[in-house]
C-alpha cells in the first residue's frame, strides 16, 4: 500500500479524485464508488514544494516501510530528473532535504530523501553496508538489499509522475555516502548517472586482499570484475577539514584505521587504490576527487559543493543534472 501526504491540502490527490468523479458522471457511469468500495488513485508526489509519502509494498518495501520526503517543482514532472539524497547515520531525511532545498528550487529536478528506519534497516548492515549481509556477515539475496531499494524508489516515482527513470542522480553524506559508494561497487547494472559519496567514515576498497566489508574478498565483486564500478561517474567528495581521528561516529576498528586515521585520509587512500587497480588492469577510470576547503564533516557544506556537480550551475542552459556531454 502507498500512502501519500501532499504538500498542500486540496492539491494532487484531491484534484485527481475530482477529475475521476467528473469523468464518470459525464460518461453516465453512475455514482462514484465510495472510499470503502475501492481505493482511489493516489499520487506519490502531489503538489509543488515539500511533501512525504510512505512505501510499504512492492518487492523490497513489503514489511519494511520507508518514508520518503520530497521537494518537487510546480507543474508537469514528466521528463524531470530524480535526485536521491541519502542522509547520515542519524537517518535525518528532513535535515537532508533542508540542506538541499536552496539547490533544487527553481530547477528541473525532484528531490527524494528516504528515511530508512533502524527497526528494519539496522546499523551498520542494513544501511551503511547496503543491506547485502545480515548481522552475522552472511550474504543475503539481492532482492533484499537496501541498495536495490534506491532504484526501486526511482522506478516507483518515475512510473507515478513520468519523471526520468532510466537514470538518476545520487548523493549521500557520511553513512549515506557509504551506501552510495557500495551501490556503485556492488550493483553492476546500477543506473546512477552521477553518484556523490561525501565524507564516508570508511570504505569498501577495490582490493581483493582485504575481507569484505573493508575490501572485496568474499564479496560477489573482485578487482577483475570491478570495471563497472571503476567506470562509473563516482565523485569522492571530501571536506578538507574532516580530519579529526576522534570524531563522533568515526569507526576506529583496526580494519577501518588501516585505511587512514580520519575520513579525509581514508577517502584519499581508497580513491588512489581504485585508480591504481584501473591502471594496472587497463580499465577506464571515471571517479572524480574533490576536496572542499573550509568544510569539515558537514552535510550542508558538501551539499553546496555537490549541487553543481549533480545539477549544473544555476542559469546554465541545456544542463540536465550533470548529464555528460554527448
C-alpha atoms as a PDB file:
ATOM      1  CA  UNK A   1       0.000   0.000   0.000  1.00  0.00           C
ATOM      2  CA  UNK A   2       1.225   3.518  -0.730  1.00  0.00           C
ATOM      3  CA  UNK A   3       0.118   6.399   1.458  1.00  0.00           C
ATOM      4  CA  UNK A   4       0.700   9.996   0.472  1.00  0.00           C
ATOM      5  CA  UNK A   5       0.752  13.287   2.328  1.00  0.00           C
ATOM      6  CA  UNK A   6       0.530  16.088  -0.226  1.00  0.00           C
ATOM      7  CA  UNK A   7       2.371  19.324   0.339  1.00  0.00           C
ATOM      8  CA  UNK A   8      -0.827  21.381   0.365  1.00  0.00           C
ATOM      9  CA  UNK A   9      -4.422  20.339   1.118  1.00  0.00           C
ATOM     10  CA  UNK A  10      -6.630  20.116  -1.938  1.00  0.00           C
ATOM     11  CA  UNK A  11      -3.799  19.605  -4.422  1.00  0.00           C
ATOM     12  CA  UNK A  12      -2.714  16.479  -6.280  1.00  0.00           C
ATOM     13  CA  UNK A  13      -4.784  13.618  -4.917  1.00  0.00           C
ATOM     14  CA  UNK A  14      -7.984  15.598  -4.364  1.00  0.00           C
ATOM     15  CA  UNK A  15      -7.780  17.071  -7.851  1.00  0.00           C
ATOM     16  CA  UNK A  16      -7.246  13.632  -9.324  1.00  0.00           C
ATOM     17  CA  UNK A  17     -10.230  12.143  -7.469  1.00  0.00           C
ATOM     18  CA  UNK A  18     -12.436  15.075  -8.515  1.00  0.00           C
ATOM     19  CA  UNK A  19     -11.396  14.556 -12.122  1.00  0.00           C
ATOM     20  CA  UNK A  20     -12.355  10.886 -11.951  1.00  0.00           C
ATOM     21  CA  UNK A  21     -15.758  11.791 -10.489  1.00  0.00           C
ATOM     22  CA  UNK A  22     -16.463  14.303 -13.240  1.00  0.00           C
ATOM     23  CA  UNK A  23     -15.384  11.875 -15.940  1.00  0.00           C
ATOM     24  CA  UNK A  24     -17.599   9.103 -14.600  1.00  0.00           C
ATOM     25  CA  UNK A  25     -20.585  11.448 -14.315  1.00  0.00           C
ATOM     26  CA  UNK A  26     -20.132  12.742 -17.849  1.00  0.00           C
ATOM     27  CA  UNK A  27     -19.944   9.207 -19.177  1.00  0.00           C
ATOM     28  CA  UNK A  28     -23.169   8.198 -17.430  1.00  0.00           C
ATOM     29  CA  UNK A  29     -21.398   5.632 -15.314  1.00  0.00           C
ATOM     30  CA  UNK A  30     -23.496   6.226 -12.237  1.00  0.00           C
ATOM     31  CA  UNK A  31     -22.370   7.046  -8.740  1.00  0.00           C
ATOM     32  CA  UNK A  32     -18.685   7.226  -7.970  1.00  0.00           C
ATOM     33  CA  UNK A  33     -17.729   4.310  -5.643  1.00  0.00           C
ATOM     34  CA  UNK A  34     -17.292   5.251  -2.003  1.00  0.00           C
ATOM     35  CA  UNK A  35     -13.910   5.073  -0.323  1.00  0.00           C
ATOM     36  CA  UNK A  36     -14.940   1.772   1.208  1.00  0.00           C
ATOM     37  CA  UNK A  37     -15.623   0.196  -2.204  1.00  0.00           C
ATOM     38  CA  UNK A  38     -12.240   0.845  -3.810  1.00  0.00           C
ATOM     39  CA  UNK A  39      -9.106   2.828  -3.167  1.00  0.00           C
ATOM     40  CA  UNK A  40      -8.997   5.932  -5.380  1.00  0.00           C
ATOM     41  CA  UNK A  41      -5.864   6.564  -7.445  1.00  0.00           C
ATOM     42  CA  UNK A  42      -3.215   8.241  -5.327  1.00  0.00           C
ATOM     43  CA  UNK A  43      -0.087  10.076  -6.395  1.00  0.00           C
ATOM     44  CA  UNK A  44       3.229   9.652  -4.624  1.00  0.00           C
ATOM     45  CA  UNK A  45       4.453  13.173  -5.378  1.00  0.00           C
ATOM     46  CA  UNK A  46       1.477  15.518  -5.354  1.00  0.00           C
ATOM     47  CA  UNK A  47       1.609  19.294  -5.355  1.00  0.00           C
ATOM     48  CA  UNK A  48       4.582  21.615  -5.634  1.00  0.00           C
ATOM     49  CA  UNK A  49       7.022  22.062  -2.781  1.00  0.00           C
ATOM     50  CA  UNK A  50       7.632  19.737   0.140  1.00  0.00           C
ATOM     51  CA  UNK A  51       5.694  16.596   0.985  1.00  0.00           C
ATOM     52  CA  UNK A  52       6.121  12.982   2.015  1.00  0.00           C
ATOM     53  CA  UNK A  53       4.837   9.519   1.229  1.00  0.00           C
ATOM     54  CA  UNK A  54       5.383   6.000   2.563  1.00  0.00           C
ATOM     55  CA  UNK A  55       6.308   2.933   0.542  1.00  0.00           C
ATOM     56  CA  UNK A  56       5.259  -0.265   2.283  1.00  0.00           C
ATOM     57  CA  UNK A  57       4.557  -2.649  -0.579  1.00  0.00           C
ATOM     58  CA  UNK A  58       6.285  -3.995  -3.655  1.00  0.00           C
ATOM     59  CA  UNK A  59       9.238  -6.384  -3.987  1.00  0.00           C
ATOM     60  CA  UNK A  60      11.507  -4.733  -1.440  1.00  0.00           C
ATOM     61  CA  UNK A  61       9.423  -2.485   0.793  1.00  0.00           C
ATOM     62  CA  UNK A  62       6.781  -5.039   1.869  1.00  0.00           C
ATOM     63  CA  UNK A  63       7.069  -5.406   5.636  1.00  0.00           C
ATOM     64  CA  UNK A  64       9.869  -2.824   5.713  1.00  0.00           C
ATOM     65  CA  UNK A  65       8.179   0.547   5.108  1.00  0.00           C
ATOM     66  CA  UNK A  66      10.246   3.580   4.225  1.00  0.00           C
ATOM     67  CA  UNK A  67       9.096   7.187   4.490  1.00  0.00           C
ATOM     68  CA  UNK A  68      10.264   9.355   1.597  1.00  0.00           C
ATOM     69  CA  UNK A  69      10.419  13.125   1.908  1.00  0.00           C
ATOM     70  CA  UNK A  70      10.396  15.090  -1.318  1.00  0.00           C
ATOM     71  CA  UNK A  71      10.704  18.559  -2.779  1.00  0.00           C
ATOM     72  CA  UNK A  72       9.133  18.955  -6.230  1.00  0.00           C
ATOM     73  CA  UNK A  73       8.702  21.862  -8.633  1.00  0.00           C
ATOM     74  CA  UNK A  74       5.272  23.020  -9.738  1.00  0.00           C
ATOM     75  CA  UNK A  75       3.631  21.715 -12.880  1.00  0.00           C
ATOM     76  CA  UNK A  76       4.217  18.648 -15.010  1.00  0.00           C
ATOM     77  CA  UNK A  77       7.045  16.446 -13.728  1.00  0.00           C
ATOM     78  CA  UNK A  78       7.373  14.465 -16.958  1.00  0.00           C
ATOM     79  CA  UNK A  79      10.980  14.010 -18.007  1.00  0.00           C
ATOM     80  CA  UNK A  80      12.413  15.719 -14.936  1.00  0.00           C
ATOM     81  CA  UNK A  81      15.471  14.293 -13.221  1.00  0.00           C
ATOM     82  CA  UNK A  82      15.197  12.443  -9.915  1.00  0.00           C
ATOM     83  CA  UNK A  83      17.784  13.219  -7.243  1.00  0.00           C
ATOM     84  CA  UNK A  84      18.023  10.741  -4.353  1.00  0.00           C
ATOM     85  CA  UNK A  85      19.685  12.129  -1.215  1.00  0.00           C
ATOM     86  CA  UNK A  86      20.722   9.657   1.487  1.00  0.00           C
ATOM     87  CA  UNK A  87      21.223  11.121   4.987  1.00  0.00           C
ATOM     88  CA  UNK A  88      23.892  10.257   7.531  1.00  0.00           C
ATOM     89  CA  UNK A  89      23.821   7.899  10.459  1.00  0.00           C
ATOM     90  CA  UNK A  90      21.018   9.842  12.169  1.00  0.00           C
ATOM     91  CA  UNK A  91      18.716   8.932   9.235  1.00  0.00           C
ATOM     92  CA  UNK A  92      17.536  12.588   9.295  1.00  0.00           C
ATOM     93  CA  UNK A  93      15.836  12.785   5.920  1.00  0.00           C
ATOM     94  CA  UNK A  94      14.207  16.088   6.887  1.00  0.00           C
ATOM     95  CA  UNK A  95      17.635  17.595   7.576  1.00  0.00           C
ATOM     96  CA  UNK A  96      18.984  16.269   4.273  1.00  0.00           C
ATOM     97  CA  UNK A  97      16.029  17.696   2.358  1.00  0.00           C
ATOM     98  CA  UNK A  98      16.507  21.048   4.072  1.00  0.00           C
ATOM     99  CA  UNK A  99      20.204  21.133   3.191  1.00  0.00           C
ATOM    100  CA  UNK A 100      19.334  20.647  -0.483  1.00  0.00           C
ATOM    101  CA  UNK A 101      16.259  22.917  -0.634  1.00  0.00           C
ATOM    102  CA  UNK A 102      18.034  26.023  -1.924  1.00  0.00           C
ATOM    103  CA  UNK A 103      19.889  23.981  -4.531  1.00  0.00           C
ATOM    104  CA  UNK A 104      16.840  22.307  -6.113  1.00  0.00           C
ATOM    105  CA  UNK A 105      14.331  25.162  -6.015  1.00  0.00           C
ATOM    106  CA  UNK A 106      13.712  26.508  -9.489  1.00  0.00           C
ATOM    107  CA  UNK A 107      15.461  23.518 -11.077  1.00  0.00           C
ATOM    108  CA  UNK A 108      14.029  20.709 -13.220  1.00  0.00           C
ATOM    109  CA  UNK A 109      14.592  18.061 -10.580  1.00  0.00           C
ATOM    110  CA  UNK A 110      12.540  16.161  -7.997  1.00  0.00           C
ATOM    111  CA  UNK A 111      14.389  15.629  -4.710  1.00  0.00           C
ATOM    112  CA  UNK A 112      13.748  12.363  -2.857  1.00  0.00           C
ATOM    113  CA  UNK A 113      15.124  11.824   0.659  1.00  0.00           C
ATOM    114  CA  UNK A 114      14.271   8.362   2.032  1.00  0.00           C
ATOM    115  CA  UNK A 115      14.295   7.659   5.758  1.00  0.00           C
ATOM    116  CA  UNK A 116      15.295   4.031   6.363  1.00  0.00           C
ATOM    117  CA  UNK A 117      14.165   3.176   9.930  1.00  0.00           C
ATOM    118  CA  UNK A 118      16.619   1.322  12.139  1.00  0.00           C
ATOM    119  CA  UNK A 119      13.974  -1.206  13.139  1.00  0.00           C
ATOM    120  CA  UNK A 120      14.080  -2.717   9.651  1.00  0.00           C
ATOM    121  CA  UNK A 121      17.446  -1.380   8.445  1.00  0.00           C
ATOM    122  CA  UNK A 122      19.816  -1.669  11.432  1.00  0.00           C
ATOM    123  CA  UNK A 123      23.299  -0.150  11.753  1.00  0.00           C
ATOM    124  CA  UNK A 124      25.557  -0.930  10.073  1.00  0.00           C
ATOM    125  CA  UNK A 125      24.477  -3.904   7.997  1.00  0.00           C
ATOM    126  CA  UNK A 126      21.048  -2.604   6.980  1.00  0.00           C
ATOM    127  CA  UNK A 127      22.136   0.889   5.972  1.00  0.00           C
ATOM    128  CA  UNK A 128      25.839   1.679   5.671  1.00  0.00           C
ATOM    129  CA  UNK A 129      26.636  -1.758   4.228  1.00  0.00           C
ATOM    130  CA  UNK A 130      23.668  -1.594   1.882  1.00  0.00           C
ATOM    131  CA  UNK A 131      21.722  -4.495   3.367  1.00  0.00           C
ATOM    132  CA  UNK A 132      23.861  -7.027   1.498  1.00  0.00           C
ATOM    133  CA  UNK A 133      24.741  -9.102   4.577  1.00  0.00           C
ATOM    134  CA  UNK A 134      22.995  -9.977   7.815  1.00  0.00           C
ATOM    135  CA  UNK A 135      24.280  -9.284  11.328  1.00  0.00           C
ATOM    136  CA  UNK A 136      26.462 -12.413  11.121  1.00  0.00           C
ATOM    137  CA  UNK A 137      28.038 -11.371   7.835  1.00  0.00           C
ATOM    138  CA  UNK A 138      26.120 -13.856   5.665  1.00  0.00           C
ATOM    139  CA  UNK A 139      25.258 -12.611   2.183  1.00  0.00           C
ATOM    140  CA  UNK A 140      21.560 -12.019   1.554  1.00  0.00           C
ATOM    141  CA  UNK A 141      19.612 -12.462  -1.704  1.00  0.00           C
ATOM    142  CA  UNK A 142      19.968  -9.428  -3.919  1.00  0.00           C
ATOM    143  CA  UNK A 143      16.217  -8.727  -3.820  1.00  0.00           C
ATOM    144  CA  UNK A 144      16.607  -7.976  -0.094  1.00  0.00           C
ATOM    145  CA  UNK A 145      19.457  -5.492  -0.495  1.00  0.00           C
ATOM    146  CA  UNK A 146      18.853  -1.936   0.679  1.00  0.00           C
ATOM    147  CA  UNK A 147      20.972  -0.949  -2.318  1.00  0.00           C
ATOM    148  CA  UNK A 148      18.246  -2.236  -4.627  1.00  0.00           C
ATOM    149  CA  UNK A 149      15.564  -0.216  -2.858  1.00  0.00           C
ATOM    150  CA  UNK A 150      17.185   3.004  -4.040  1.00  0.00           C
ATOM    151  CA  UNK A 151      16.397   2.109  -7.635  1.00  0.00           C
ATOM    152  CA  UNK A 152      13.033   0.604  -6.752  1.00  0.00           C
ATOM    153  CA  UNK A 153      12.162   4.015  -5.282  1.00  0.00           C
ATOM    154  CA  UNK A 154      13.308   5.693  -8.501  1.00  0.00           C
ATOM    155  CA  UNK A 155      11.220   3.309 -10.591  1.00  0.00           C
ATOM    156  CA  UNK A 156       8.093   3.841  -8.485  1.00  0.00           C
ATOM    157  CA  UNK A 157       8.284   7.632  -8.616  1.00  0.00           C
ATOM    158  CA  UNK A 158       9.151   7.663 -12.313  1.00  0.00           C
ATOM    159  CA  UNK A 159       6.167   5.437 -13.114  1.00  0.00           C
ATOM    160  CA  UNK A 160       3.884   7.586 -10.970  1.00  0.00           C
ATOM    161  CA  UNK A 161       4.966  11.003 -12.222  1.00  0.00           C
ATOM    162  CA  UNK A 162       6.502  10.464 -15.642  1.00  0.00           C
ATOM    163  CA  UNK A 163       9.846  11.749 -14.329  1.00  0.00           C
ATOM    164  CA  UNK A 164      13.029  10.442 -15.891  1.00  0.00           C
ATOM    165  CA  UNK A 165      13.629   6.896 -14.643  1.00  0.00           C
ATOM    166  CA  UNK A 166      16.217   5.414 -16.991  1.00  0.00           C
ATOM    167  CA  UNK A 167      18.890   7.044 -14.852  1.00  0.00           C
ATOM    168  CA  UNK A 168      19.028   9.266 -11.781  1.00  0.00           C
ATOM    169  CA  UNK A 169      21.294  11.409  -9.603  1.00  0.00           C
ATOM    170  CA  UNK A 170      22.567  10.181  -6.247  1.00  0.00           C
ATOM    171  CA  UNK A 171      24.106  11.875  -3.214  1.00  0.00           C
ATOM    172  CA  UNK A 172      24.935  10.543   0.238  1.00  0.00           C
ATOM    173  CA  UNK A 173      26.648  12.145   3.203  1.00  0.00           C
ATOM    174  CA  UNK A 174      28.584  10.222   5.871  1.00  0.00           C
ATOM    175  CA  UNK A 175      26.707   6.934   6.439  1.00  0.00           C
ATOM    176  CA  UNK A 176      24.658   7.754   3.330  1.00  0.00           C
ATOM    177  CA  UNK A 177      27.931   8.226   1.461  1.00  0.00           C
ATOM    178  CA  UNK A 178      28.922   4.688   2.425  1.00  0.00           C
ATOM    179  CA  UNK A 179      25.659   3.456   0.931  1.00  0.00           C
ATOM    180  CA  UNK A 180      26.329   5.389  -2.301  1.00  0.00           C
ATOM    181  CA  UNK A 181      29.854   4.044  -2.675  1.00  0.00           C
ATOM    182  CA  UNK A 182      28.778   0.435  -2.110  1.00  0.00           C
ATOM    183  CA  UNK A 183      25.866   0.757  -4.521  1.00  0.00           C
ATOM    184  CA  UNK A 184      28.305   1.811  -7.245  1.00  0.00           C
ATOM    185  CA  UNK A 185      30.693  -1.000  -6.340  1.00  0.00           C
ATOM    186  CA  UNK A 186      28.320  -3.920  -5.723  1.00  0.00           C
ATOM    187  CA  UNK A 187      25.486  -3.319  -8.215  1.00  0.00           C
ATOM    188  CA  UNK A 188      26.971  -3.824 -11.700  1.00  0.00           C
ATOM    189  CA  UNK A 189      23.834  -2.650 -13.504  1.00  0.00           C
ATOM    190  CA  UNK A 190      23.178   0.421 -11.357  1.00  0.00           C
ATOM    191  CA  UNK A 191      21.668   3.387 -13.213  1.00  0.00           C
ATOM    192  CA  UNK A 192      23.128   6.301 -11.245  1.00  0.00           C
ATOM    193  CA  UNK A 193      24.228   8.832 -13.860  1.00  0.00           C
ATOM    194  CA  UNK A 194      26.329  10.734 -11.334  1.00  0.00           C
ATOM    195  CA  UNK A 195      26.873   9.494  -7.771  1.00  0.00           C
ATOM    196  CA  UNK A 196      28.445  11.570  -4.995  1.00  0.00           C
ATOM    197  CA  UNK A 197      29.819   9.875  -1.876  1.00  0.00           C
ATOM    198  CA  UNK A 198      30.520  12.654   0.625  1.00  0.00           C
ATOM    199  CA  UNK A 199      32.673  12.061   3.714  1.00  0.00           C
ATOM    200  CA  UNK A 200      32.094   8.342   4.442  1.00  0.00           C
ATOM    201  CA  UNK A 201      33.691   7.142   7.655  1.00  0.00           C
ATOM    202  CA  UNK A 202      35.277   4.181   5.873  1.00  0.00           C
ATOM    203  CA  UNK A 203      35.058   2.385   2.531  1.00  0.00           C
ATOM    204  CA  UNK A 204      34.892  -0.941   0.759  1.00  0.00           C
ATOM    205  CA  UNK A 205      38.209  -0.712  -1.038  1.00  0.00           C
ATOM    206  CA  UNK A 206      38.748  -2.167  -4.507  1.00  0.00           C
ATOM    207  CA  UNK A 207      41.145  -4.691  -3.018  1.00  0.00           C
ATOM    208  CA  UNK A 208      40.983  -8.485  -3.301  1.00  0.00           C
ATOM    209  CA  UNK A 209      43.401  -8.855  -0.389  1.00  0.00           C
ATOM    210  CA  UNK A 210      41.052  -7.401   2.245  1.00  0.00           C
ATOM    211  CA  UNK A 211      37.917  -9.097   3.568  1.00  0.00           C
ATOM    212  CA  UNK A 212      34.515  -7.571   2.911  1.00  0.00           C
ATOM    213  CA  UNK A 213      33.224  -5.108   4.010  1.00  0.00           C
ATOM    214  CA  UNK A 214      36.566  -3.249   4.030  1.00  0.00           C
ATOM    215  CA  UNK A 215      37.659  -4.947   0.822  1.00  0.00           C
ATOM    216  CA  UNK A 216      36.342  -7.274  -1.865  1.00  0.00           C
ATOM    217  CA  UNK A 217      37.459 -10.687  -0.587  1.00  0.00           C
ATOM    218  CA  UNK A 218      34.363 -12.805  -0.022  1.00  0.00           C
ATOM    219  CA  UNK A 219      32.088 -10.467  -1.999  1.00  0.00           C
ATOM    220  CA  UNK A 220      30.477 -11.039  -5.438  1.00  0.00           C
ATOM    221  CA  UNK A 221      32.882  -8.467  -6.922  1.00  0.00           C
ATOM    222  CA  UNK A 222      36.623  -8.736  -7.462  1.00  0.00           C
ATOM    223  CA  UNK A 223      39.283  -6.439  -8.870  1.00  0.00           C
ATOM    224  CA  UNK A 224      38.871  -8.289 -12.170  1.00  0.00           C
ATOM    225  CA  UNK A 225      35.105  -7.710 -12.301  1.00  0.00           C
ATOM    226  CA  UNK A 226      35.011  -4.188 -10.838  1.00  0.00           C
ATOM    227  CA  UNK A 227      35.181  -2.475 -14.226  1.00  0.00           C
ATOM    228  CA  UNK A 228      31.563  -1.349 -13.950  1.00  0.00           C
ATOM    229  CA  UNK A 229      32.347   0.478 -10.715  1.00  0.00           C
ATOM    230  CA  UNK A 230      35.664   1.966 -11.826  1.00  0.00           C
ATOM    231  CA  UNK A 231      33.985   3.239 -14.985  1.00  0.00           C
ATOM    232  CA  UNK A 232      31.094   4.831 -13.075  1.00  0.00           C
ATOM    233  CA  UNK A 233      30.911   8.584 -12.573  1.00  0.00           C
ATOM    234  CA  UNK A 234      31.514   8.478  -8.819  1.00  0.00           C
ATOM    235  CA  UNK A 235      32.533  11.720  -7.131  1.00  0.00           C
ATOM    236  CA  UNK A 236      34.574  11.223  -3.956  1.00  0.00           C
ATOM    237  CA  UNK A 237      33.707  14.461  -2.162  1.00  0.00           C
ATOM    238  CA  UNK A 238      35.646  15.389   0.954  1.00  0.00           C
ATOM    239  CA  UNK A 239      35.680  18.214   3.445  1.00  0.00           C
ATOM    240  CA  UNK A 240      39.277  19.407   3.739  1.00  0.00           C
ATOM    241  CA  UNK A 241      38.765  19.887   7.493  1.00  0.00           C
ATOM    242  CA  UNK A 242      37.242  16.444   8.153  1.00  0.00           C
ATOM    243  CA  UNK A 243      40.476  15.291   9.764  1.00  0.00           C
ATOM    244  CA  UNK A 244      39.597  14.536  13.393  1.00  0.00           C
ATOM    245  CA  UNK A 245      40.744  10.974  14.242  1.00  0.00           C
ATOM    246  CA  UNK A 246      38.442  11.020  17.276  1.00  0.00           C
ATOM    247  CA  UNK A 247      35.375  12.419  15.522  1.00  0.00           C
ATOM    248  CA  UNK A 248      31.971  11.177  16.743  1.00  0.00           C
ATOM    249  CA  UNK A 249      30.674   8.108  14.867  1.00  0.00           C
ATOM    250  CA  UNK A 250      34.056   7.554  13.167  1.00  0.00           C
ATOM    251  CA  UNK A 251      34.796   3.829  13.134  1.00  0.00           C
ATOM    252  CA  UNK A 252      38.066   3.100  14.917  1.00  0.00           C
ATOM    253  CA  UNK A 253      38.374  -0.643  14.458  1.00  0.00           C
ATOM    254  CA  UNK A 254      41.687  -1.945  13.033  1.00  0.00           C
ATOM    255  CA  UNK A 255      40.318  -2.550   9.528  1.00  0.00           C
ATOM    256  CA  UNK A 256      38.952   0.991   9.268  1.00  0.00           C
ATOM    257  CA  UNK A 257      42.094   2.538  10.746  1.00  0.00           C
ATOM    258  CA  UNK A 258      44.169   0.645   8.170  1.00  0.00           C
ATOM    259  CA  UNK A 259      42.542   2.941   5.578  1.00  0.00           C
ATOM    260  CA  UNK A 260      43.722   6.054   7.437  1.00  0.00           C
ATOM    261  CA  UNK A 261      43.432   7.997  10.668  1.00  0.00           C
ATOM    262  CA  UNK A 262      40.450  10.122   9.645  1.00  0.00           C
ATOM    263  CA  UNK A 263      37.798  10.458   6.945  1.00  0.00           C
ATOM    264  CA  UNK A 264      39.889  12.528   4.570  1.00  0.00           C
ATOM    265  CA  UNK A 265      42.835  10.165   4.680  1.00  0.00           C
ATOM    266  CA  UNK A 266      40.631   7.086   4.293  1.00  0.00           C
ATOM    267  CA  UNK A 267      38.895   8.501   1.244  1.00  0.00           C
ATOM    268  CA  UNK A 268      42.162   9.510  -0.405  1.00  0.00           C
ATOM    269  CA  UNK A 269      43.684   6.062   0.102  1.00  0.00           C
ATOM    270  CA  UNK A 270      40.569   4.372  -1.291  1.00  0.00           C
ATOM    271  CA  UNK A 271      40.444   6.663  -4.326  1.00  0.00           C
ATOM    272  CA  UNK A 272      44.144   6.216  -5.110  1.00  0.00           C
ATOM    273  CA  UNK A 273      43.898   2.448  -4.641  1.00  0.00           C
ATOM    274  CA  UNK A 274      40.964   2.214  -7.049  1.00  0.00           C
ATOM    275  CA  UNK A 275      42.815   4.348  -9.595  1.00  0.00           C
ATOM    276  CA  UNK A 276      45.824   2.034  -9.344  1.00  0.00           C
ATOM    277  CA  UNK A 277      43.671  -1.071  -9.916  1.00  0.00           C
ATOM    278  CA  UNK A 278      42.123   0.520 -13.002  1.00  0.00           C
ATOM    279  CA  UNK A 279      45.545   1.469 -14.346  1.00  0.00           C
ATOM    280  CA  UNK A 280      47.046  -1.983 -13.713  1.00  0.00           C
ATOM    281  CA  UNK A 281      44.127  -3.744 -15.395  1.00  0.00           C
ATOM    282  CA  UNK A 282      43.724  -1.286 -18.247  1.00  0.00           C
ATOM    283  CA  UNK A 283      40.188  -0.391 -17.177  1.00  0.00           C
ATOM    284  CA  UNK A 284      38.534   3.008 -17.697  1.00  0.00           C
ATOM    285  CA  UNK A 285      38.535   5.094 -14.522  1.00  0.00           C
ATOM    286  CA  UNK A 286      35.888   7.810 -14.192  1.00  0.00           C
ATOM    287  CA  UNK A 287      35.950   8.519 -10.464  1.00  0.00           C
ATOM    288  CA  UNK A 288      36.441  12.165  -9.570  1.00  0.00           C
ATOM    289  CA  UNK A 289      38.074  13.535  -6.451  1.00  0.00           C
ATOM    290  CA  UNK A 290      37.025  16.875  -4.968  1.00  0.00           C
ATOM    291  CA  UNK A 291      38.252  18.309  -1.679  1.00  0.00           C
ATOM    292  CA  UNK A 292      36.253  21.274  -0.367  1.00  0.00           C
ATOM    293  CA  UNK A 293      38.324  23.893   1.501  1.00  0.00           C
ATOM    294  CA  UNK A 294      36.987  25.115   4.829  1.00  0.00           C
ATOM    295  CA  UNK A 295      34.428  22.310   5.182  1.00  0.00           C
ATOM    296  CA  UNK A 296      34.507  19.631   7.841  1.00  0.00           C
ATOM    297  CA  UNK A 297      32.055  16.801   8.405  1.00  0.00           C
ATOM    298  CA  UNK A 298      29.132  18.860   7.162  1.00  0.00           C
ATOM    299  CA  UNK A 299      26.172  17.676   5.115  1.00  0.00           C
ATOM    300  CA  UNK A 300      25.290  21.282   4.352  1.00  0.00           C
ATOM    301  CA  UNK A 301      28.799  22.121   3.183  1.00  0.00           C
ATOM    302  CA  UNK A 302      29.145  19.071   0.987  1.00  0.00           C
ATOM    303  CA  UNK A 303      25.651  19.571  -0.466  1.00  0.00           C
ATOM    304  CA  UNK A 304      26.687  23.044  -1.633  1.00  0.00           C
ATOM    305  CA  UNK A 305      29.776  21.578  -3.304  1.00  0.00           C
ATOM    306  CA  UNK A 306      27.876  18.646  -4.810  1.00  0.00           C
ATOM    307  CA  UNK A 307      24.983  20.661  -6.272  1.00  0.00           C
ATOM    308  CA  UNK A 308      26.837  21.965  -9.354  1.00  0.00           C
ATOM    309  CA  UNK A 309      28.326  18.520  -9.952  1.00  0.00           C
ATOM    310  CA  UNK A 310      24.887  16.923  -9.990  1.00  0.00           C
ATOM    311  CA  UNK A 311      22.633  19.705 -11.238  1.00  0.00           C
ATOM    312  CA  UNK A 312      24.908  22.046 -13.152  1.00  0.00           C
ATOM    313  CA  UNK A 313      25.267  25.650 -12.145  1.00  0.00           C
ATOM    314  CA  UNK A 314      22.156  27.853 -11.946  1.00  0.00           C
ATOM    315  CA  UNK A 315      21.475  29.596 -15.208  1.00  0.00           C
ATOM    316  CA  UNK A 316      23.421  27.167 -17.378  1.00  0.00           C
ATOM    317  CA  UNK A 317      21.326  26.460 -20.434  1.00  0.00           C
ATOM    318  CA  UNK A 318      20.812  22.923 -21.619  1.00  0.00           C
ATOM    319  CA  UNK A 319      22.288  21.383 -18.478  1.00  0.00           C
ATOM    320  CA  UNK A 320      20.272  18.429 -17.227  1.00  0.00           C
ATOM    321  CA  UNK A 321      21.627  17.409 -13.872  1.00  0.00           C
ATOM    322  CA  UNK A 322      25.241  16.728 -14.636  1.00  0.00           C
ATOM    323  CA  UNK A 323      24.490  14.765 -17.778  1.00  0.00           C
ATOM    324  CA  UNK A 324      27.706  14.074 -19.633  1.00  0.00           C
ATOM    325  CA  UNK A 325      28.113  15.888 -22.942  1.00  0.00           C
ATOM    326  CA  UNK A 326      27.093  13.768 -25.916  1.00  0.00           C
END
